[in-house]
Amino acid sequence: MLKRILINLLNNAIKFTPAHGTVIVEAGVTAAGCLELAVRDNGIGISAEQLTHVLQPFGQGESGLTRRYEGAWLGLPLVRAMVELHQGLLRLESAVGTGTVATVSFPPRRAVWQRPRAVAS
């Protein structure tokens, strides 16, 4: 599911970022032990009014008459559902014209860490 979450977030970022734009993937562990993945772009962004709408299945950010982007608009709702299945949280931060940051955070009990094994020489 983690792979599908990341693919969906990257697809959105690439789709809504113009040519020569930037898409950045960040990953880390918070001080509280949560695993966080973020996909940051400098694309078209999402208005405050549209933020909750795009998290609903088929909730397009544009009306049917002015729609410029294809798709079923299920990517973010699916990401949210998959993240929540793992007791995680999806956060969207966005502004029109500046881009979007989609961050998924998984609690420590869902992030299993293994120490790297020593390589025998």
PDB file of N, CA and C in Angstrom:
ATOM      1  N   MET A   1       0.822  -1.197   0.000  1.00  0.00           N
ATOM      2  CA  MET A   1       0.000   0.000   0.000  1.00  0.00           C
ATOM      3  C   MET A   1       0.866   1.260   0.000  1.00  0.00           C
ATOM      4  N   LEU A   2       2.000   1.172   0.675  1.00  0.00           N
ATOM      5  CA  LEU A   2       2.886   2.336   0.728  1.00  0.00           C
ATOM      6  C   LEU A   2       3.336   2.738  -0.673  1.00  0.00           C
ATOM      7  N   LYS A   3       3.635   1.748  -1.498  1.00  0.00           N
ATOM      8  CA  LYS A   3       4.035   2.014  -2.880  1.00  0.00           C
ATOM      9  C   LYS A   3       2.904   2.706  -3.633  1.00  0.00           C
ATOM     10  N   ARG A   4       1.675   2.212  -3.483  1.00  0.00           N
ATOM     11  CA  ARG A   4       0.517   2.802  -4.164  1.00  0.00           C
ATOM     12  C   ARG A   4       0.271   4.228  -3.675  1.00  0.00           C
ATOM     13  N   ILE A   5       0.421   4.477  -2.386  1.00  0.00           N
ATOM     14  CA  ILE A   5       0.254   5.820  -1.825  1.00  0.00           C
ATOM     15  C   ILE A   5       1.244   6.774  -2.485  1.00  0.00           C
ATOM     16  N   LEU A   6       2.495   6.374  -2.524  1.00  0.00           N
ATOM     17  CA  LEU A   6       3.524   7.228  -3.099  1.00  0.00           C
ATOM     18  C   LEU A   6       3.301   7.450  -4.594  1.00  0.00           C
ATOM     19  N   ILE A   7       2.921   6.405  -5.312  1.00  0.00           N
ATOM     20  CA  ILE A   7       2.651   6.552  -6.750  1.00  0.00           C
ATOM     21  C   ILE A   7       1.507   7.532  -6.983  1.00  0.00           C
ATOM     22  N   ASN A   8       0.426   7.411  -6.218  1.00  0.00           N
ATOM     23  CA  ASN A   8      -0.710   8.325  -6.391  1.00  0.00           C
ATOM     24  C   ASN A   8      -0.318   9.768  -6.097  1.00  0.00           C
ATOM     25  N   LEU A   9       0.439   9.988  -5.034  1.00  0.00           N
ATOM     26  CA  LEU A   9       0.858  11.349  -4.699  1.00  0.00           C
ATOM     27  C   LEU A   9       1.790  11.921  -5.771  1.00  0.00           C
ATOM     28  N   LEU A  10       2.696  11.082  -6.277  1.00  0.00           N
ATOM     29  CA  LEU A  10       3.598  11.539  -7.341  1.00  0.00           C
ATOM     30  C   LEU A  10       2.840  11.822  -8.630  1.00  0.00           C
ATOM     31  N   ASN A  11       1.875  10.963  -8.979  1.00  0.00           N
ATOM     32  CA  ASN A  11       1.071  11.198 -10.179  1.00  0.00           C
ATOM     33  C   ASN A  11       0.371  12.550 -10.104  1.00  0.00           C
ATOM     34  N   ASN A  12      -0.230  12.859  -8.957  1.00  0.00           N
ATOM     35  CA  ASN A  12      -0.898  14.158  -8.803  1.00  0.00           C
ATOM     36  C   ASN A  12       0.087  15.305  -8.932  1.00  0.00           C
ATOM     37  N   ALA A  13       1.214  15.193  -8.249  1.00  0.00           N
ATOM     38  CA  ALA A  13       2.197  16.273  -8.270  1.00  0.00           C
ATOM     39  C   ALA A  13       2.691  16.529  -9.694  1.00  0.00           C
ATOM     40  N   ILE A  14       2.984  15.461 -10.421  1.00  0.00           N
ATOM     41  CA  ILE A  14       3.478  15.612 -11.793  1.00  0.00           C
ATOM     42  C   ILE A  14       2.385  16.151 -12.707  1.00  0.00           C
ATOM     43  N   LYS A  15       1.175  15.651 -12.537  1.00  0.00           N
ATOM     44  CA  LYS A  15       0.052  16.060 -13.386  1.00  0.00           C
ATOM     45  C   LYS A  15      -0.241  17.553 -13.265  1.00  0.00           C
ATOM     46  N   PHE A  16      -0.113  18.097 -12.056  1.00  0.00           N
ATOM     47  CA  PHE A  16      -0.502  19.478 -11.821  1.00  0.00           C
ATOM     48  C   PHE A  16       0.680  20.434 -11.705  1.00  0.00           C
ATOM     49  N   THR A  17       1.857  19.976 -12.126  1.00  0.00           N
ATOM     50  CA  THR A  17       3.040  20.834 -12.140  1.00  0.00           C
ATOM     51  C   THR A  17       3.431  21.059 -13.591  1.00  0.00           C
ATOM     52  N   PRO A  18       3.575  22.317 -14.008  1.00  0.00           N
ATOM     53  CA  PRO A  18       3.914  22.579 -15.402  1.00  0.00           C
ATOM     54  C   PRO A  18       5.337  22.123 -15.752  1.00  0.00           C
ATOM     55  N   ALA A  19       5.616  22.071 -17.044  1.00  0.00           N
ATOM     56  CA  ALA A  19       6.958  21.711 -17.511  1.00  0.00           C
ATOM     57  C   ALA A  19       7.982  22.605 -16.817  1.00  0.00           C
ATOM     58  N   HIS A  20       9.104  22.042 -16.484  1.00  0.00           N
ATOM     59  CA  HIS A  20      10.208  22.719 -15.799  1.00  0.00           C
ATOM     60  C   HIS A  20       9.866  23.063 -14.356  1.00  0.00           C
ATOM     61  N   GLY A  21       8.777  22.497 -13.836  1.00  0.00           N
ATOM     62  CA  GLY A  21       8.437  22.659 -12.422  1.00  0.00           C
ATOM     63  C   GLY A  21       9.251  21.690 -11.585  1.00  0.00           C
ATOM     64  N   THR A  22       8.970  21.690 -10.294  1.00  0.00           N
ATOM     65  CA  THR A  22       9.725  20.856  -9.369  1.00  0.00           C
ATOM     66  C   THR A  22       8.788  19.971  -8.558  1.00  0.00           C
ATOM     67  N   VAL A  23       9.169  18.700  -8.434  1.00  0.00           N
ATOM     68  CA  VAL A  23       8.476  17.762  -7.553  1.00  0.00           C
ATOM     69  C   VAL A  23       9.555  17.147  -6.665  1.00  0.00           C
ATOM     70  N   ILE A  24       9.354  17.227  -5.363  1.00  0.00           N
ATOM     71  CA  ILE A  24      10.335  16.733  -4.394  1.00  0.00           C
ATOM     72  C   ILE A  24       9.664  15.714  -3.482  1.00  0.00           C
ATOM     73  N   VAL A  25      10.351  14.597  -3.243  1.00  0.00           N
ATOM     74  CA  VAL A  25       9.885  13.583  -2.304  1.00  0.00           C
ATOM     75  C   VAL A  25      10.795  13.641  -1.087  1.00  0.00           C
ATOM     76  N   GLU A  26      10.185  13.706   0.090  1.00  0.00           N
ATOM     77  CA  GLU A  26      10.932  13.734   1.342  1.00  0.00           C
ATOM     78  C   GLU A  26      10.430  12.608   2.229  1.00  0.00           C
ATOM     79  N   ALA A  27      11.326  12.026   2.997  1.00  0.00           N
ATOM     80  CA  ALA A  27      10.950  10.971   3.937  1.00  0.00           C
ATOM     81  C   ALA A  27      11.784  11.132   5.186  1.00  0.00           C
ATOM     82  N   GLY A  28      11.177  10.786   6.310  1.00  0.00           N
ATOM     83  CA  GLY A  28      11.918  10.865   7.555  1.00  0.00           C
ATOM     84  C   GLY A  28      11.111  10.313   8.714  1.00  0.00           C
ATOM     85  N   VAL A  29      11.763  10.315   9.854  1.00  0.00           N
ATOM     86  CA  VAL A  29      11.139   9.864  11.089  1.00  0.00           C
ATOM     87  C   VAL A  29      11.123  11.055  12.040  1.00  0.00           C
ATOM     88  N   THR A  30       9.958  11.342  12.594  1.00  0.00           N
ATOM     89  CA  THR A  30       9.830  12.467  13.521  1.00  0.00           C
ATOM     90  C   THR A  30      10.440  12.099  14.880  1.00  0.00           C
ATOM     91  N   ALA A  31      10.584  13.097  15.730  1.00  0.00           N
ATOM     92  CA  ALA A  31      11.100  12.855  17.080  1.00  0.00           C
ATOM     93  C   ALA A  31      10.205  11.881  17.849  1.00  0.00           C
ATOM     94  N   ALA A  32       8.921  11.856  17.512  1.00  0.00           N
ATOM     95  CA  ALA A  32       7.976  10.948  18.176  1.00  0.00           C
ATOM     96  C   ALA A  32       8.007   9.540  17.574  1.00  0.00           C
ATOM     97  N   GLY A  33       8.831   9.327  16.533  1.00  0.00           N
ATOM     98  CA  GLY A  33       8.935   8.005  15.929  1.00  0.00           C
ATOM     99  C   GLY A  33       7.967   7.745  14.799  1.00  0.00           C
ATOM    100  N   CYS A  34       7.255   8.770  14.345  1.00  0.00           N
ATOM    101  CA  CYS A  34       6.324   8.613  13.225  1.00  0.00           C
ATOM    102  C   CYS A  34       7.086   8.632  11.907  1.00  0.00           C
ATOM    103  N   LEU A  35       6.683   7.784  10.984  1.00  0.00           N
ATOM    104  CA  LEU A  35       7.234   7.795   9.636  1.00  0.00           C
ATOM    105  C   LEU A  35       6.455   8.823   8.837  1.00  0.00           C
ATOM    106  N   GLU A  36       7.147   9.773   8.216  1.00  0.00           N
ATOM    107  CA  GLU A  36       6.489  10.776   7.386  1.00  0.00           C
ATOM    108  C   GLU A  36       7.057  10.758   5.981  1.00  0.00           C
ATOM    109  N   LEU A  37       6.157  10.805   5.015  1.00  0.00           N
ATOM    110  CA  LEU A  37       6.503  10.935   3.607  1.00  0.00           C
ATOM    111  C   LEU A  37       5.804  12.181   3.090  1.00  0.00           C
ATOM    112  N   ALA A  38       6.529  12.998   2.356  1.00  0.00           N
ATOM    113  CA  ALA A  38       5.933  14.210   1.794  1.00  0.00           C
ATOM    114  C   ALA A  38       6.275  14.305   0.319  1.00  0.00           C
ATOM    115  N   VAL A  39       5.294  14.723  -0.472  1.00  0.00           N
ATOM    116  CA  VAL A  39       5.507  15.022  -1.882  1.00  0.00           C
ATOM    117  C   VAL A  39       5.165  16.497  -2.037  1.00  0.00           C
ATOM    118  N   ARG A  40       6.164  17.253  -2.465  1.00  0.00           N
ATOM    119  CA  ARG A  40       6.060  18.716  -2.565  1.00  0.00           C
ATOM    120  C   ARG A  40       6.203  19.112  -4.029  1.00  0.00           C
ATOM    121  N   ASP A  41       5.321  19.997  -4.497  1.00  0.00           N
ATOM    122  CA  ASP A  41       5.443  20.482  -5.878  1.00  0.00           C
ATOM    123  C   ASP A  41       5.228  21.989  -5.916  1.00  0.00           C
ATOM    124  N   ASN A  42       5.622  22.577  -7.021  1.00  0.00           N
ATOM    125  CA  ASN A  42       5.368  24.004  -7.219  1.00  0.00           C
ATOM    126  C   ASN A  42       4.400  24.197  -8.382  1.00  0.00           C
ATOM    127  N   GLY A  43       3.386  23.342  -8.387  1.00  0.00           N
ATOM    128  CA  GLY A  43       2.384  23.341  -9.449  1.00  0.00           C
ATOM    129  C   GLY A  43       1.285  24.368  -9.248  1.00  0.00           C
ATOM    130  N   ILE A  44       0.111  24.054  -9.792  1.00  0.00           N
ATOM    131  CA  ILE A  44      -0.990  25.016  -9.820  1.00  0.00           C
ATOM    132  C   ILE A  44      -1.607  25.272  -8.452  1.00  0.00           C
ATOM    133  N   GLY A  45      -1.462  24.330  -7.539  1.00  0.00           N
ATOM    134  CA  GLY A  45      -2.007  24.493  -6.198  1.00  0.00           C
ATOM    135  C   GLY A  45      -3.504  24.266  -6.122  1.00  0.00           C
ATOM    136  N   ILE A  46      -4.000  24.281  -4.899  1.00  0.00           N
ATOM    137  CA  ILE A  46      -5.415  24.033  -4.621  1.00  0.00           C
ATOM    138  C   ILE A  46      -5.892  25.146  -3.698  1.00  0.00           C
ATOM    139  N   SER A  47      -7.026  25.739  -4.013  1.00  0.00           N
ATOM    140  CA  SER A  47      -7.573  26.788  -3.147  1.00  0.00           C
ATOM    141  C   SER A  47      -8.079  26.182  -1.845  1.00  0.00           C
ATOM    142  N   ALA A  48      -8.211  27.009  -0.822  1.00  0.00           N
ATOM    143  CA  ALA A  48      -8.704  26.559   0.481  1.00  0.00           C
ATOM    144  C   ALA A  48     -10.090  25.935   0.344  1.00  0.00           C
ATOM    145  N   GLU A  49     -10.929  26.490  -0.524  1.00  0.00           N
ATOM    146  CA  GLU A  49     -12.282  25.972  -0.720  1.00  0.00           C
ATOM    147  C   GLU A  49     -12.258  24.581  -1.351  1.00  0.00           C
ATOM    148  N   GLN A  50     -11.274  24.320  -2.192  1.00  0.00           N
ATOM    149  CA  GLN A  50     -11.204  23.047  -2.905  1.00  0.00           C
ATOM    150  C   GLN A  50     -10.534  21.946  -2.094  1.00  0.00           C
ATOM    151  N   LEU A  51      -9.775  22.290  -1.056  1.00  0.00           N
ATOM    152  CA  LEU A  51      -9.008  21.284  -0.316  1.00  0.00           C
ATOM    153  C   LEU A  51      -9.861  20.136   0.200  1.00  0.00           C
ATOM    154  N   THR A  52     -10.983  20.417   0.829  1.00  0.00           N
ATOM    155  CA  THR A  52     -11.830  19.327   1.327  1.00  0.00           C
ATOM    156  C   THR A  52     -12.546  18.621   0.181  1.00  0.00           C
ATOM    157  N   HIS A  53     -12.855  19.368  -0.872  1.00  0.00           N
ATOM    158  CA  HIS A  53     -13.574  18.797  -2.020  1.00  0.00           C
ATOM    159  C   HIS A  53     -12.727  17.747  -2.744  1.00  0.00           C
ATOM    160  N   VAL A  54     -11.423  17.991  -2.903  1.00  0.00           N
ATOM    161  CA  VAL A  54     -10.575  17.046  -3.643  1.00  0.00           C
ATOM    162  C   VAL A  54     -10.316  15.765  -2.870  1.00  0.00           C
ATOM    163  N   LEU A  55     -10.659  15.735  -1.585  1.00  0.00           N
ATOM    164  CA  LEU A  55     -10.498  14.520  -0.788  1.00  0.00           C
ATOM    165  C   LEU A  55     -11.731  13.619  -0.850  1.00  0.00           C
ATOM    166  N   GLN A  56     -12.782  14.088  -1.522  1.00  0.00           N
ATOM    167  CA  GLN A  56     -13.996  13.293  -1.700  1.00  0.00           C
ATOM    168  C   GLN A  56     -13.899  12.523  -3.014  1.00  0.00           C
ATOM    169  N   PRO A  57     -14.378  11.280  -3.059  1.00  0.00           N
ATOM    170  CA  PRO A  57     -14.355  10.537  -4.325  1.00  0.00           C
ATOM    171  C   PRO A  57     -15.051  11.321  -5.434  1.00  0.00           C
ATOM    172  N   PHE A  58     -14.415  11.403  -6.574  1.00  0.00           N
ATOM    173  CA  PHE A  58     -14.892  12.119  -7.752  1.00  0.00           C
ATOM    174  C   PHE A  58     -14.996  13.621  -7.514  1.00  0.00           C
ATOM    175  N   GLY A  59     -14.389  14.117  -6.456  1.00  0.00           N
ATOM    176  CA  GLY A  59     -14.443  15.546  -6.125  1.00  0.00           C
ATOM    177  C   GLY A  59     -13.415  16.336  -6.898  1.00  0.00           C
ATOM    178  N   GLN A  60     -13.765  16.728  -8.097  1.00  0.00           N
ATOM    179  CA  GLN A  60     -12.835  17.433  -8.963  1.00  0.00           C
ATOM    180  C   GLN A  60     -12.600  18.851  -8.472  1.00  0.00           C
ATOM    181  N   GLY A  61     -11.378  19.301  -8.667  1.00  0.00           N
ATOM    182  CA  GLY A  61     -11.024  20.662  -8.289  1.00  0.00           C
ATOM    183  C   GLY A  61     -11.539  21.691  -9.261  1.00  0.00           C
ATOM    184  N   GLU A  62     -12.055  21.257 -10.406  1.00  0.00           N
ATOM    185  CA  GLU A  62     -12.565  22.170 -11.419  1.00  0.00           C
ATOM    186  C   GLU A  62     -13.955  21.714 -11.833  1.00  0.00           C
ATOM    187  N   SER A  63     -14.733  22.622 -12.364  1.00  0.00           N
ATOM    188  CA  SER A  63     -16.054  22.227 -12.852  1.00  0.00           C
ATOM    189  C   SER A  63     -15.910  21.498 -14.179  1.00  0.00           C
ATOM    190  N   GLY A  64     -16.936  20.762 -14.563  1.00  0.00           N
ATOM    191  CA  GLY A  64     -16.905  19.988 -15.797  1.00  0.00           C
ATOM    192  C   GLY A  64     -16.686  20.840 -17.033  1.00  0.00           C
ATOM    193  N   LEU A  65     -17.192  22.068 -17.052  1.00  0.00           N
ATOM    194  CA  LEU A  65     -17.067  22.915 -18.228  1.00  0.00           C
ATOM    195  C   LEU A  65     -15.681  23.532 -18.361  1.00  0.00           C
ATOM    196  N   THR A  66     -15.007  23.769 -17.233  1.00  0.00           N
ATOM    197  CA  THR A  66     -13.698  24.413 -17.291  1.00  0.00           C
ATOM    198  C   THR A  66     -12.563  23.441 -17.013  1.00  0.00           C
ATOM    199  N   ARG A  67     -12.870  22.175 -16.933  1.00  0.00           N
ATOM    200  CA  ARG A  67     -11.890  21.161 -16.565  1.00  0.00           C
ATOM    201  C   ARG A  67     -10.783  21.017 -17.602  1.00  0.00           C
ATOM    202  N   ARG A  68      -9.525  21.107 -17.146  1.00  0.00           N
ATOM    203  CA  ARG A  68      -8.370  20.994 -18.028  1.00  0.00           C
ATOM    204  C   ARG A  68      -7.622  19.690 -17.810  1.00  0.00           C
ATOM    205  N   TYR A  69      -7.924  18.960 -16.733  1.00  0.00           N
ATOM    206  CA  TYR A  69      -7.157  17.773 -16.379  1.00  0.00           C
ATOM    207  C   TYR A  69      -8.061  16.554 -16.380  1.00  0.00           C
ATOM    208  N   GLU A  70      -7.573  15.485 -17.004  1.00  0.00           N
ATOM    209  CA  GLU A  70      -8.333  14.248 -17.099  1.00  0.00           C
ATOM    210  C   GLU A  70      -8.172  13.413 -15.833  1.00  0.00           C
ATOM    211  N   GLY A  71      -9.035  12.438 -15.693  1.00  0.00           N
ATOM    212  CA  GLY A  71      -8.923  11.496 -14.594  1.00  0.00           C
ATOM    213  C   GLY A  71     -10.219  11.378 -13.830  1.00  0.00           C
ATOM    214  N   ALA A  72     -10.275  10.350 -12.988  1.00  0.00           N
ATOM    215  CA  ALA A  72     -11.482  10.093 -12.197  1.00  0.00           C
ATOM    216  C   ALA A  72     -11.474  10.855 -10.880  1.00  0.00           C
ATOM    217  N   TRP A  73     -10.351  11.480 -10.547  1.00  0.00           N
ATOM    218  CA  TRP A  73     -10.223  12.249  -9.316  1.00  0.00           C
ATOM    219  C   TRP A  73     -10.407  11.359  -8.092  1.00  0.00           C
ATOM    220  N   LEU A  74      -9.811  10.179  -8.158  1.00  0.00           N
ATOM    221  CA  LEU A  74      -9.882   9.248  -7.036  1.00  0.00           C
ATOM    222  C   LEU A  74      -8.549   9.116  -6.298  1.00  0.00           C
ATOM    223  N   GLY A  75      -7.483   9.684  -6.837  1.00  0.00           N
ATOM    224  CA  GLY A  75      -6.154   9.514  -6.260  1.00  0.00           C
ATOM    225  C   GLY A  75      -6.054   9.917  -4.801  1.00  0.00           C
ATOM    226  N   LEU A  76      -6.429  11.145  -4.476  1.00  0.00           N
ATOM    227  CA  LEU A  76      -6.314  11.611  -3.086  1.00  0.00           C
ATOM    228  C   LEU A  76      -7.289  10.896  -2.146  1.00  0.00           C
ATOM    229  N   PRO A  77      -8.547  10.661  -2.548  1.00  0.00           N
ATOM    230  CA  PRO A  77      -9.416   9.879  -1.659  1.00  0.00           C
ATOM    231  C   PRO A  77      -8.873   8.476  -1.396  1.00  0.00           C
ATOM    232  N   LEU A  78      -8.286   7.841  -2.406  1.00  0.00           N
ATOM    233  CA  LEU A  78      -7.701   6.510  -2.205  1.00  0.00           C
ATOM    234  C   LEU A  78      -6.485   6.587  -1.283  1.00  0.00           C
ATOM    235  N   VAL A  79      -5.657   7.593  -1.471  1.00  0.00           N
ATOM    236  CA  VAL A  79      -4.497   7.768  -0.592  1.00  0.00           C
ATOM    237  C   VAL A  79      -4.972   7.927   0.846  1.00  0.00           C
ATOM    238  N   ARG A  80      -5.949   8.791   1.051  1.00  0.00           N
ATOM    239  CA  ARG A  80      -6.453   9.009   2.408  1.00  0.00           C
ATOM    240  C   ARG A  80      -6.985   7.708   3.010  1.00  0.00           C
ATOM    241  N   ALA A  81      -7.738   6.935   2.227  1.00  0.00           N
ATOM    242  CA  ALA A  81      -8.291   5.673   2.730  1.00  0.00           C
ATOM    243  C   ALA A  81      -7.180   4.683   3.096  1.00  0.00           C
ATOM    244  N   MET A  82      -6.170   4.570   2.236  1.00  0.00           N
ATOM    245  CA  MET A  82      -5.075   3.639   2.512  1.00  0.00           C
ATOM    246  C   MET A  82      -4.268   4.070   3.733  1.00  0.00           C
ATOM    247  N   VAL A  83      -4.028   5.358   3.855  1.00  0.00           N
ATOM    248  CA  VAL A  83      -3.289   5.877   5.012  1.00  0.00           C
ATOM    249  C   VAL A  83      -4.077   5.615   6.292  1.00  0.00           C
ATOM    250  N   GLU A  84      -5.373   5.874   6.254  1.00  0.00           N
ATOM    251  CA  GLU A  84      -6.201   5.673   7.443  1.00  0.00           C
ATOM    252  C   GLU A  84      -6.304   4.201   7.827  1.00  0.00           C
ATOM    253  N   LEU A  85      -6.222   3.294   6.854  1.00  0.00           N
ATOM    254  CA  LEU A  85      -6.207   1.867   7.172  1.00  0.00           C
ATOM    255  C   LEU A  85      -5.016   1.502   8.057  1.00  0.00           C
ATOM    256  N   HIS A  86      -3.976   2.278   7.968  1.00  0.00           N
ATOM    257  CA  HIS A  86      -2.769   2.055   8.776  1.00  0.00           C
ATOM    258  C   HIS A  86      -2.678   3.055   9.926  1.00  0.00           C
ATOM    259  N   GLN A  87      -3.816   3.573  10.353  1.00  0.00           N
ATOM    260  CA  GLN A  87      -3.917   4.526  11.458  1.00  0.00           C
ATOM    261  C   GLN A  87      -3.069   5.775  11.225  1.00  0.00           C
ATOM    262  N   GLY A  88      -2.894   6.139   9.962  1.00  0.00           N
ATOM    263  CA  GLY A  88      -2.096   7.305   9.612  1.00  0.00           C
ATOM    264  C   GLY A  88      -2.955   8.513   9.315  1.00  0.00           C
ATOM    265  N   LEU A  89      -2.288   9.573   8.881  1.00  0.00           N
ATOM    266  CA  LEU A  89      -2.945  10.841   8.616  1.00  0.00           C
ATOM    267  C   LEU A  89      -2.409  11.414   7.314  1.00  0.00           C
ATOM    268  N   LEU A  90      -3.299  11.944   6.475  1.00  0.00           N
ATOM    269  CA  LEU A  90      -2.926  12.661   5.263  1.00  0.00           C
ATOM    270  C   LEU A  90      -3.183  14.136   5.499  1.00  0.00           C
ATOM    271  N   ARG A  91      -2.155  14.961   5.275  1.00  0.00           N
ATOM    272  CA  ARG A  91      -2.299  16.416   5.390  1.00  0.00           C
ATOM    273  C   ARG A  91      -1.993  17.044   4.042  1.00  0.00           C
ATOM    274  N   LEU A  92      -2.828  17.982   3.634  1.00  0.00           N
ATOM    275  CA  LEU A  92      -2.590  18.744   2.412  1.00  0.00           C
ATOM    276  C   LEU A  92      -2.407  20.204   2.778  1.00  0.00           C
ATOM    277  N   GLU A  93      -1.337  20.778   2.265  1.00  0.00           N
ATOM    278  CA  GLU A  93      -1.097  22.213   2.408  1.00  0.00           C
ATOM    279  C   GLU A  93      -0.938  22.738   0.992  1.00  0.00           C
ATOM    280  N   SER A  94      -1.668  23.773   0.651  1.00  0.00           N
ATOM    281  CA  SER A  94      -1.625  24.229  -0.727  1.00  0.00           C
ATOM    282  C   SER A  94      -2.063  25.675  -0.830  1.00  0.00           C
ATOM    283  N   ALA A  95      -1.614  26.306  -1.891  1.00  0.00           N
ATOM    284  CA  ALA A  95      -2.057  27.641  -2.247  1.00  0.00           C
ATOM    285  C   ALA A  95      -2.037  27.734  -3.767  1.00  0.00           C
ATOM    286  N   VAL A  96      -3.046  28.374  -4.317  1.00  0.00           N
ATOM    287  CA  VAL A  96      -3.138  28.521  -5.765  1.00  0.00           C
ATOM    288  C   VAL A  96      -1.913  29.275  -6.269  1.00  0.00           C
ATOM    289  N   GLY A  97      -1.287  28.707  -7.281  1.00  0.00           N
ATOM    290  CA  GLY A  97      -0.135  29.353  -7.898  1.00  0.00           C
ATOM    291  C   GLY A  97       1.208  29.065  -7.251  1.00  0.00           C
ATOM    292  N   THR A  98       1.209  28.438  -6.074  1.00  0.00           N
ATOM    293  CA  THR A  98       2.484  28.140  -5.417  1.00  0.00           C
ATOM    294  C   THR A  98       2.745  26.657  -5.242  1.00  0.00           C
ATOM    295  N   GLY A  99       1.728  25.832  -5.336  1.00  0.00           N
ATOM    296  CA  GLY A  99       1.947  24.399  -5.241  1.00  0.00           C
ATOM    297  C   GLY A  99       1.294  23.758  -4.046  1.00  0.00           C
ATOM    298  N   THR A 100       1.636  22.488  -3.866  1.00  0.00           N
ATOM    299  CA  THR A 100       0.995  21.664  -2.844  1.00  0.00           C
ATOM    300  C   THR A 100       2.031  20.798  -2.150  1.00  0.00           C
ATOM    301  N   VAL A 101       1.810  20.573  -0.865  1.00  0.00           N
ATOM    302  CA  VAL A 101       2.589  19.594  -0.110  1.00  0.00           C
ATOM    303  C   VAL A 101       1.588  18.588   0.445  1.00  0.00           C
ATOM    304  N   ALA A 102       1.744  17.331   0.048  1.00  0.00           N
ATOM    305  CA  ALA A 102       0.926  16.243   0.579  1.00  0.00           C
ATOM    306  C   ALA A 102       1.828  15.434   1.500  1.00  0.00           C
ATOM    307  N   THR A 103       1.443  15.360   2.777  1.00  0.00           N
ATOM    308  CA  THR A 103       2.247  14.648   3.765  1.00  0.00           C
ATOM    309  C   THR A 103       1.431  13.518   4.355  1.00  0.00           C
ATOM    310  N   VAL A 104       2.013  12.322   4.369  1.00  0.00           N
ATOM    311  CA  VAL A 104       1.393  11.202   5.055  1.00  0.00           C
ATOM    312  C   VAL A 104       2.257  10.874   6.261  1.00  0.00           C
ATOM    313  N   SER A 105       1.590  10.596   7.352  1.00  0.00           N
ATOM    314  CA  SER A 105       2.282  10.309   8.609  1.00  0.00           C
ATOM    315  C   SER A 105       1.711   9.032   9.202  1.00  0.00           C
ATOM    316  N   PHE A 106       2.610   8.110   9.530  1.00  0.00           N
ATOM    317  CA  PHE A 106       2.214   6.840  10.127  1.00  0.00           C
ATOM    318  C   PHE A 106       2.736   6.786  11.559  1.00  0.00           C
ATOM    319  N   PRO A 107       1.913   6.333  12.507  1.00  0.00           N
ATOM    320  CA  PRO A 107       2.358   6.275  13.905  1.00  0.00           C
ATOM    321  C   PRO A 107       3.472   5.248  14.082  1.00  0.00           C
ATOM    322  N   PRO A 108       4.243   5.376  15.155  1.00  0.00           N
ATOM    323  CA  PRO A 108       5.376   4.466  15.380  1.00  0.00           C
ATOM    324  C   PRO A 108       4.989   2.985  15.343  1.00  0.00           C
ATOM    325  N   ARG A 109       3.806   2.641  15.822  1.00  0.00           N
ATOM    326  CA  ARG A 109       3.423   1.219  15.850  1.00  0.00           C
ATOM    327  C   ARG A 109       3.223   0.660  14.445  1.00  0.00           C
ATOM    328  N   ARG A 110       3.079   1.527  13.430  1.00  0.00           N
ATOM    329  CA  ARG A 110       2.920   1.074  12.041  1.00  0.00           C
ATOM    330  C   ARG A 110       4.235   1.135  11.271  1.00  0.00           C
ATOM    331  N   ALA A 111       5.267   1.726  11.859  1.00  0.00           N
ATOM    332  CA  ALA A 111       6.578   1.828  11.206  1.00  0.00           C
ATOM    333  C   ALA A 111       7.521   0.844  11.900  1.00  0.00           C
ATOM    334  N   VAL A 112       7.811  -0.247  11.250  1.00  0.00           N
ATOM    335  CA  VAL A 112       8.673  -1.276  11.823  1.00  0.00           C
ATOM    336  C   VAL A 112      10.079  -1.056  11.289  1.00  0.00           C
ATOM    337  N   TRP A 113      11.013  -0.891  12.202  1.00  0.00           N
ATOM    338  CA  TRP A 113      12.387  -0.606  11.804  1.00  0.00           C
ATOM    339  C   TRP A 113      13.264  -1.815  12.119  1.00  0.00           C
ATOM    340  N   GLN A 114      14.162  -2.075  11.218  1.00  0.00           N
ATOM    341  CA  GLN A 114      15.153  -3.124  11.436  1.00  0.00           C
ATOM    342  C   GLN A 114      16.535  -2.507  11.275  1.00  0.00           C
ATOM    343  N   ARG A 115      17.426  -2.904  12.197  1.00  0.00           N
ATOM    344  CA  ARG A 115      18.798  -2.411  12.067  1.00  0.00           C
ATOM    345  C   ARG A 115      19.448  -3.075  10.866  1.00  0.00           C
ATOM    346  N   PRO A 116      20.273  -2.327  10.127  1.00  0.00           N
ATOM    347  CA  PRO A 116      20.981  -2.959   9.014  1.00  0.00           C
ATOM    348  C   PRO A 116      21.906  -4.058   9.526  1.00  0.00           C
ATOM    349  N   ARG A 117      21.974  -5.142   8.789  1.00  0.00           N
ATOM    350  CA  ARG A 117      22.843  -6.245   9.161  1.00  0.00           C
ATOM    351  C   ARG A 117      24.292  -5.912   8.776  1.00  0.00           C
ATOM    352  N   ALA A 118      25.184  -6.371   9.610  1.00  0.00           N
ATOM    353  CA  ALA A 118      26.604  -6.196   9.301  1.00  0.00           C
ATOM    354  C   ALA A 118      26.958  -7.071   8.106  1.00  0.00           C
ATOM    355  N   VAL A 119      27.758  -6.546   7.235  1.00  0.00           N
ATOM    356  CA  VAL A 119      28.180  -7.285   6.055  1.00  0.00           C
ATOM    357  C   VAL A 119      29.426  -8.075   6.405  1.00  0.00           C
ATOM    358  N   ALA A 120      29.361  -9.366   6.169  1.00  0.00           N
ATOM    359  CA  ALA A 120      30.518 -10.234   6.453  1.00  0.00           C
ATOM    360  C   ALA A 120      31.590  -9.995   5.407  1.00  0.00           C
ATOM    361  N   SER A 121      32.827  -9.906   5.871  1.00  0.00           N
ATOM    362  CA  SER A 121      33.903  -9.670   4.899  1.00  0.00           C
ATOM    363  C   SER A 121      34.730 -10.889   4.662  1.00  0.00           C
TER     364      SER A 121
END
